[in-house]
N, C-alpha and C. Protein backbone atom coordinates (compact mmCIF):
# COMPACT_ATOMS: atom_id res chain seq x y z
N UNK A 1 57.82 50.75 27.51
CA UNK A 1 56.49 50.16 27.36
C UNK A 1 56.37 48.98 28.32
N UNK A 2 55.30 49.00 29.11
CA UNK A 2 55.08 47.93 30.08
C UNK A 2 54.55 46.69 29.38
N UNK A 3 55.17 45.57 29.67
CA UNK A 3 54.68 44.30 29.13
C UNK A 3 54.55 43.30 30.27
N UNK A 4 53.42 42.60 30.28
CA UNK A 4 53.13 41.64 31.32
C UNK A 4 52.75 40.31 30.69
N UNK A 5 53.22 39.25 31.28
CA UNK A 5 52.91 37.92 30.78
C UNK A 5 52.54 37.03 31.95
N UNK A 6 51.29 36.58 31.96
CA UNK A 6 50.82 35.68 33.00
C UNK A 6 50.80 34.26 32.48
N UNK A 7 51.16 33.32 33.32
CA UNK A 7 51.08 31.92 32.93
C UNK A 7 50.94 31.04 34.17
N UNK A 8 50.64 29.78 33.93
CA UNK A 8 50.47 28.84 35.04
C UNK A 8 49.05 28.36 35.22
N UNK A 9 48.11 28.86 34.41
CA UNK A 9 46.73 28.40 34.53
C UNK A 9 46.57 26.97 34.05
N UNK A 10 45.40 26.43 34.28
CA UNK A 10 45.12 25.06 33.87
C UNK A 10 43.90 24.53 34.56
N UNK A 11 43.76 23.23 34.50
CA UNK A 11 42.62 22.55 35.10
C UNK A 11 43.03 22.00 36.46
N UNK A 12 42.21 22.29 37.47
CA UNK A 12 42.50 21.81 38.83
C UNK A 12 41.19 21.38 39.47
N UNK A 13 41.27 20.40 40.33
CA UNK A 13 40.07 19.94 41.02
C UNK A 13 39.72 20.86 42.18
N UNK A 14 38.46 20.90 42.50
CA UNK A 14 38.01 21.68 43.65
C UNK A 14 38.76 21.25 44.90
N UNK A 15 39.17 22.22 45.68
CA UNK A 15 39.96 21.95 46.88
C UNK A 15 41.44 21.99 46.64
N UNK A 16 41.84 22.02 45.39
CA UNK A 16 43.25 22.03 45.04
C UNK A 16 43.86 23.42 45.11
N UNK A 17 45.15 23.46 44.79
CA UNK A 17 45.91 24.71 44.82
C UNK A 17 46.59 24.94 43.48
N UNK A 18 46.92 26.18 43.24
CA UNK A 18 47.59 26.54 41.99
C UNK A 18 48.37 27.81 42.22
N UNK A 19 49.50 27.92 41.57
CA UNK A 19 50.30 29.15 41.63
C UNK A 19 50.42 29.72 40.22
N UNK A 20 50.00 30.95 40.08
CA UNK A 20 50.16 31.65 38.82
C UNK A 20 51.39 32.55 38.89
N UNK A 21 52.04 32.70 37.75
CA UNK A 21 53.24 33.53 37.68
C UNK A 21 53.04 34.65 36.68
N UNK A 22 53.75 35.72 36.89
CA UNK A 22 53.70 36.86 35.98
C UNK A 22 55.09 37.46 35.89
N UNK A 23 55.53 37.65 34.69
CA UNK A 23 56.79 38.36 34.49
C UNK A 23 56.49 39.71 33.86
N UNK A 24 57.26 40.70 34.27
CA UNK A 24 57.00 42.06 33.82
C UNK A 24 58.26 42.70 33.29
N UNK A 25 58.08 43.60 32.34
CA UNK A 25 59.20 44.38 31.83
C UNK A 25 58.73 45.80 31.59
N UNK A 26 59.67 46.71 31.56
CA UNK A 26 59.32 48.10 31.30
C UNK A 26 58.76 48.84 32.49
N UNK A 27 58.92 48.28 33.68
CA UNK A 27 58.39 48.93 34.88
C UNK A 27 59.44 49.87 35.45
N UNK A 28 59.26 51.15 35.27
CA UNK A 28 60.22 52.13 35.76
C UNK A 28 59.61 53.09 36.77
N UNK A 29 58.37 52.92 37.10
CA UNK A 29 57.70 53.82 38.02
C UNK A 29 58.04 53.43 39.45
N UNK A 30 58.53 54.37 40.25
CA UNK A 30 59.00 54.00 41.60
C UNK A 30 57.91 53.54 42.54
N UNK A 31 56.67 53.94 42.29
CA UNK A 31 55.59 53.59 43.22
C UNK A 31 54.55 52.68 42.57
N UNK A 32 54.96 51.92 41.57
CA UNK A 32 53.99 51.07 40.91
C UNK A 32 53.60 49.91 41.81
N UNK A 33 52.44 49.37 41.54
CA UNK A 33 51.99 48.14 42.17
C UNK A 33 51.67 47.13 41.08
N UNK A 34 51.83 45.87 41.38
CA UNK A 34 51.56 44.80 40.43
C UNK A 34 50.74 43.74 41.13
N UNK A 35 49.79 43.18 40.41
CA UNK A 35 48.92 42.21 41.07
C UNK A 35 48.04 41.48 40.08
N UNK A 36 46.87 41.09 40.58
CA UNK A 36 46.01 40.20 39.81
C UNK A 36 44.54 40.60 39.91
N UNK A 37 43.86 40.42 38.80
CA UNK A 37 42.41 40.43 38.81
C UNK A 37 41.94 39.27 37.94
N UNK A 38 40.66 38.96 38.02
CA UNK A 38 40.12 37.88 37.21
C UNK A 38 38.80 38.30 36.59
N UNK A 39 38.43 37.59 35.55
CA UNK A 39 37.14 37.84 34.92
C UNK A 39 36.60 36.55 34.35
N UNK A 40 35.42 36.19 34.80
CA UNK A 40 34.74 35.02 34.29
C UNK A 40 33.76 35.44 33.20
N UNK A 41 33.41 34.54 32.29
CA UNK A 41 32.48 34.90 31.22
C UNK A 41 31.17 35.44 31.76
N UNK A 42 30.78 36.58 31.25
CA UNK A 42 29.52 37.17 31.65
C UNK A 42 29.53 37.85 33.00
N UNK A 43 30.69 37.91 33.62
CA UNK A 43 30.79 38.53 34.94
C UNK A 43 31.73 39.73 34.90
N UNK A 44 31.60 40.59 35.89
CA UNK A 44 32.45 41.76 35.94
C UNK A 44 33.83 41.38 36.46
N UNK A 45 34.76 42.28 36.22
CA UNK A 45 36.11 42.09 36.69
C UNK A 45 36.17 42.10 38.21
N UNK A 46 37.01 41.21 38.77
CA UNK A 46 37.15 41.12 40.22
C UNK A 46 38.63 41.30 40.58
N UNK A 47 38.89 42.33 41.34
CA UNK A 47 40.26 42.57 41.80
C UNK A 47 40.60 41.61 42.93
N UNK A 48 41.76 41.01 42.85
CA UNK A 48 42.18 40.05 43.88
C UNK A 48 43.18 40.67 44.85
N UNK A 49 44.35 41.05 44.35
CA UNK A 49 45.40 41.50 45.25
C UNK A 49 46.48 42.19 44.45
N UNK A 50 47.21 43.12 45.09
CA UNK A 50 48.37 43.72 44.45
C UNK A 50 49.43 44.02 45.51
N UNK A 51 50.64 44.16 45.04
CA UNK A 51 51.76 44.45 45.92
C UNK A 51 52.59 45.57 45.33
N UNK A 52 53.07 46.45 46.20
CA UNK A 52 53.97 47.51 45.76
C UNK A 52 55.37 47.09 46.13
N UNK A 53 56.17 46.69 45.17
CA UNK A 53 57.49 46.13 45.48
C UNK A 53 58.41 47.09 46.23
N UNK A 54 58.22 48.37 46.09
CA UNK A 54 59.13 49.34 46.72
C UNK A 54 59.11 49.23 48.24
N UNK A 55 57.97 48.86 48.80
CA UNK A 55 57.91 48.74 50.26
C UNK A 55 57.20 47.48 50.73
N UNK A 56 56.77 46.65 49.79
CA UNK A 56 56.13 45.39 50.15
C UNK A 56 54.70 45.50 50.61
N UNK A 57 54.10 46.66 50.50
CA UNK A 57 52.72 46.82 50.96
C UNK A 57 51.78 46.05 50.04
N UNK A 58 50.81 45.40 50.64
CA UNK A 58 49.86 44.55 49.91
C UNK A 58 48.45 45.07 50.12
N UNK A 59 47.72 45.14 49.04
CA UNK A 59 46.32 45.54 49.09
C UNK A 59 45.48 44.41 48.54
N UNK A 60 44.37 44.11 49.22
CA UNK A 60 43.49 43.04 48.78
C UNK A 60 42.17 43.61 48.27
N UNK A 61 41.66 42.98 47.23
CA UNK A 61 40.30 43.26 46.82
C UNK A 61 39.34 42.52 47.73
N UNK A 62 38.07 42.69 47.48
CA UNK A 62 37.08 42.06 48.35
C UNK A 62 37.19 40.54 48.36
N UNK A 63 37.58 39.95 47.24
CA UNK A 63 37.64 38.50 47.16
C UNK A 63 39.01 37.95 47.47
N UNK A 64 40.01 38.82 47.57
CA UNK A 64 41.38 38.36 47.65
C UNK A 64 41.76 37.74 48.97
N UNK A 65 41.22 38.28 50.05
CA UNK A 65 41.66 37.82 51.36
C UNK A 65 41.24 36.38 51.62
N UNK A 66 42.14 35.67 52.29
CA UNK A 66 41.80 34.31 52.71
C UNK A 66 42.46 33.25 51.86
N UNK A 67 41.97 33.06 50.67
CA UNK A 67 42.46 31.95 49.84
C UNK A 67 43.51 32.37 48.83
N UNK A 68 43.74 33.65 48.69
CA UNK A 68 44.68 34.13 47.69
C UNK A 68 45.78 34.94 48.39
N UNK A 69 47.02 34.63 48.06
CA UNK A 69 48.14 35.41 48.57
C UNK A 69 49.06 35.76 47.42
N UNK A 70 49.87 36.79 47.63
CA UNK A 70 50.75 37.27 46.58
C UNK A 70 52.17 37.31 47.10
N UNK A 71 53.09 37.04 46.21
CA UNK A 71 54.50 37.20 46.53
C UNK A 71 55.21 37.74 45.30
N UNK A 72 56.38 38.31 45.52
CA UNK A 72 57.11 38.89 44.40
C UNK A 72 58.58 38.56 44.50
N UNK A 73 59.23 38.60 43.38
CA UNK A 73 60.68 38.41 43.29
C UNK A 73 61.19 39.58 42.46
N UNK A 74 61.68 40.59 43.13
CA UNK A 74 62.09 41.80 42.41
C UNK A 74 63.29 41.54 41.51
N UNK A 75 64.13 40.60 41.87
CA UNK A 75 65.29 40.29 41.03
C UNK A 75 64.87 39.74 39.67
N UNK A 76 63.73 39.05 39.66
CA UNK A 76 63.23 38.46 38.42
C UNK A 76 62.11 39.28 37.80
N UNK A 77 61.76 40.40 38.44
CA UNK A 77 60.59 41.17 37.99
C UNK A 77 59.38 40.26 37.84
N UNK A 78 59.15 39.46 38.86
CA UNK A 78 58.07 38.48 38.79
C UNK A 78 57.17 38.62 40.01
N UNK A 79 55.93 38.26 39.82
CA UNK A 79 54.96 38.23 40.91
C UNK A 79 54.16 36.95 40.78
N UNK A 80 53.74 36.42 41.92
CA UNK A 80 53.06 35.14 41.95
C UNK A 80 51.75 35.24 42.71
N UNK A 81 50.76 34.52 42.22
CA UNK A 81 49.48 34.43 42.92
C UNK A 81 49.31 33.00 43.41
N UNK A 82 49.25 32.86 44.73
CA UNK A 82 49.08 31.55 45.34
C UNK A 82 47.60 31.38 45.66
N UNK A 83 46.99 30.36 45.09
CA UNK A 83 45.57 30.14 45.27
C UNK A 83 45.34 28.79 45.96
N UNK A 84 44.57 28.81 47.01
CA UNK A 84 44.33 27.60 47.79
C UNK A 84 42.84 27.31 47.89
N UNK A 85 42.54 26.05 48.16
CA UNK A 85 41.15 25.61 48.33
C UNK A 85 40.26 26.16 47.21
N UNK A 86 40.67 25.89 46.01
CA UNK A 86 39.95 26.43 44.86
C UNK A 86 38.56 25.83 44.73
N UNK A 87 37.64 26.67 44.22
CA UNK A 87 36.25 26.29 44.06
C UNK A 87 35.85 26.46 42.61
N UNK A 88 34.82 25.76 42.16
CA UNK A 88 34.39 25.92 40.76
C UNK A 88 34.11 27.38 40.40
N UNK A 89 33.62 28.17 41.34
CA UNK A 89 33.34 29.57 41.03
C UNK A 89 34.60 30.42 40.87
N UNK A 90 35.76 29.82 41.12
CA UNK A 90 37.01 30.51 40.85
C UNK A 90 37.43 30.39 39.38
N UNK A 91 36.68 29.62 38.62
CA UNK A 91 36.98 29.48 37.19
C UNK A 91 36.87 30.84 36.50
N UNK A 92 37.96 31.23 35.85
CA UNK A 92 38.01 32.55 35.23
C UNK A 92 39.34 32.70 34.49
N UNK A 93 39.43 33.76 33.73
CA UNK A 93 40.72 34.16 33.18
C UNK A 93 41.37 35.10 34.19
N UNK A 94 42.58 34.80 34.55
CA UNK A 94 43.32 35.57 35.55
C UNK A 94 44.35 36.45 34.83
N UNK A 95 44.33 37.72 35.18
CA UNK A 95 45.19 38.69 34.53
C UNK A 95 46.20 39.26 35.52
N UNK A 96 47.41 39.40 35.05
CA UNK A 96 48.43 40.15 35.78
C UNK A 96 48.31 41.61 35.36
N UNK A 97 48.38 42.51 36.32
CA UNK A 97 48.11 43.92 36.01
C UNK A 97 48.99 44.84 36.83
N UNK A 98 49.10 46.06 36.36
CA UNK A 98 49.95 47.06 36.99
C UNK A 98 49.17 48.34 37.25
N UNK A 99 49.49 48.97 38.34
CA UNK A 99 49.02 50.33 38.60
C UNK A 99 50.26 51.20 38.70
N UNK A 100 50.39 52.14 37.83
CA UNK A 100 51.64 52.89 37.73
C UNK A 100 51.96 53.71 38.98
N UNK A 101 50.99 54.34 39.55
CA UNK A 101 51.20 55.11 40.78
C UNK A 101 50.19 54.62 41.81
N UNK A 102 50.68 53.86 42.73
CA UNK A 102 49.80 53.14 43.65
C UNK A 102 49.78 53.77 45.03
N UNK A 103 48.58 53.93 45.56
CA UNK A 103 48.39 54.38 46.93
C UNK A 103 47.56 53.31 47.65
N UNK A 104 48.15 52.61 48.61
CA UNK A 104 47.47 51.46 49.23
C UNK A 104 46.09 51.78 49.79
N UNK A 105 45.90 53.02 50.24
CA UNK A 105 44.60 53.34 50.85
C UNK A 105 43.46 53.30 49.85
N UNK A 106 43.77 53.30 48.57
CA UNK A 106 42.74 53.26 47.54
C UNK A 106 42.58 51.87 46.90
N UNK A 107 43.36 50.91 47.42
CA UNK A 107 43.24 49.57 46.86
C UNK A 107 43.99 49.46 45.54
N UNK A 108 43.66 48.43 44.77
CA UNK A 108 44.34 48.15 43.51
C UNK A 108 43.52 48.75 42.37
N UNK A 109 44.05 49.77 41.73
CA UNK A 109 43.37 50.42 40.60
C UNK A 109 44.24 50.23 39.37
N UNK A 110 44.16 49.06 38.81
CA UNK A 110 45.04 48.70 37.70
C UNK A 110 44.78 49.56 36.47
N UNK A 111 45.86 49.93 35.79
CA UNK A 111 45.70 50.73 34.57
C UNK A 111 46.39 50.09 33.36
N UNK A 112 46.97 48.92 33.57
CA UNK A 112 47.62 48.23 32.45
C UNK A 112 47.67 46.75 32.77
N UNK A 113 47.37 45.92 31.78
CA UNK A 113 47.42 44.48 31.99
C UNK A 113 47.76 43.77 30.71
N UNK A 114 48.18 42.53 30.87
CA UNK A 114 48.55 41.72 29.72
C UNK A 114 47.50 40.67 29.43
N UNK A 115 47.86 39.70 28.62
CA UNK A 115 46.96 38.59 28.34
C UNK A 115 46.83 37.72 29.57
N UNK A 116 45.66 37.20 29.79
CA UNK A 116 45.42 36.41 30.96
C UNK A 116 45.73 34.94 30.77
N UNK A 117 45.56 34.21 31.86
CA UNK A 117 45.73 32.76 31.82
C UNK A 117 44.48 32.13 32.41
N UNK A 118 43.97 31.11 31.75
CA UNK A 118 42.69 30.52 32.15
C UNK A 118 42.89 29.49 33.27
N UNK A 119 42.08 29.65 34.30
CA UNK A 119 42.03 28.68 35.39
C UNK A 119 40.64 28.05 35.39
N UNK A 120 40.61 26.73 35.33
CA UNK A 120 39.35 26.01 35.36
C UNK A 120 39.35 25.08 36.56
N UNK A 121 38.34 25.22 37.41
CA UNK A 121 38.23 24.40 38.60
C UNK A 121 37.06 23.45 38.42
N UNK A 122 37.34 22.18 38.46
CA UNK A 122 36.28 21.18 38.27
C UNK A 122 35.73 20.74 39.63
N UNK A 123 34.46 20.42 39.64
CA UNK A 123 33.81 20.01 40.89
C UNK A 123 33.96 18.52 41.13
């Protein structure tokens, strides 16, 4: 059973940076991808970025490029979201998510996620 735990959210001022962490267990799929999406109240889900640890390929959502980068530590089964130059509109709950069989040409199509972590950006 796949279990994901995201943490590291909090309050940050506009222009600041934050790193979110995610630890995963139960990942046995050879071509899985792991990454992040966010959802703000009243808004639709926004895919940010995912990485396939087997070959390091990274796929970005429409909003992911530029201010968001991803890194992974396969020894720790962990993935990190590095966020820079944060803006108030980045305020949202950020979720760590997995796609069991990932094909980079189709982007990040997450099919499993854990509880999110809240990021609040003040102006």
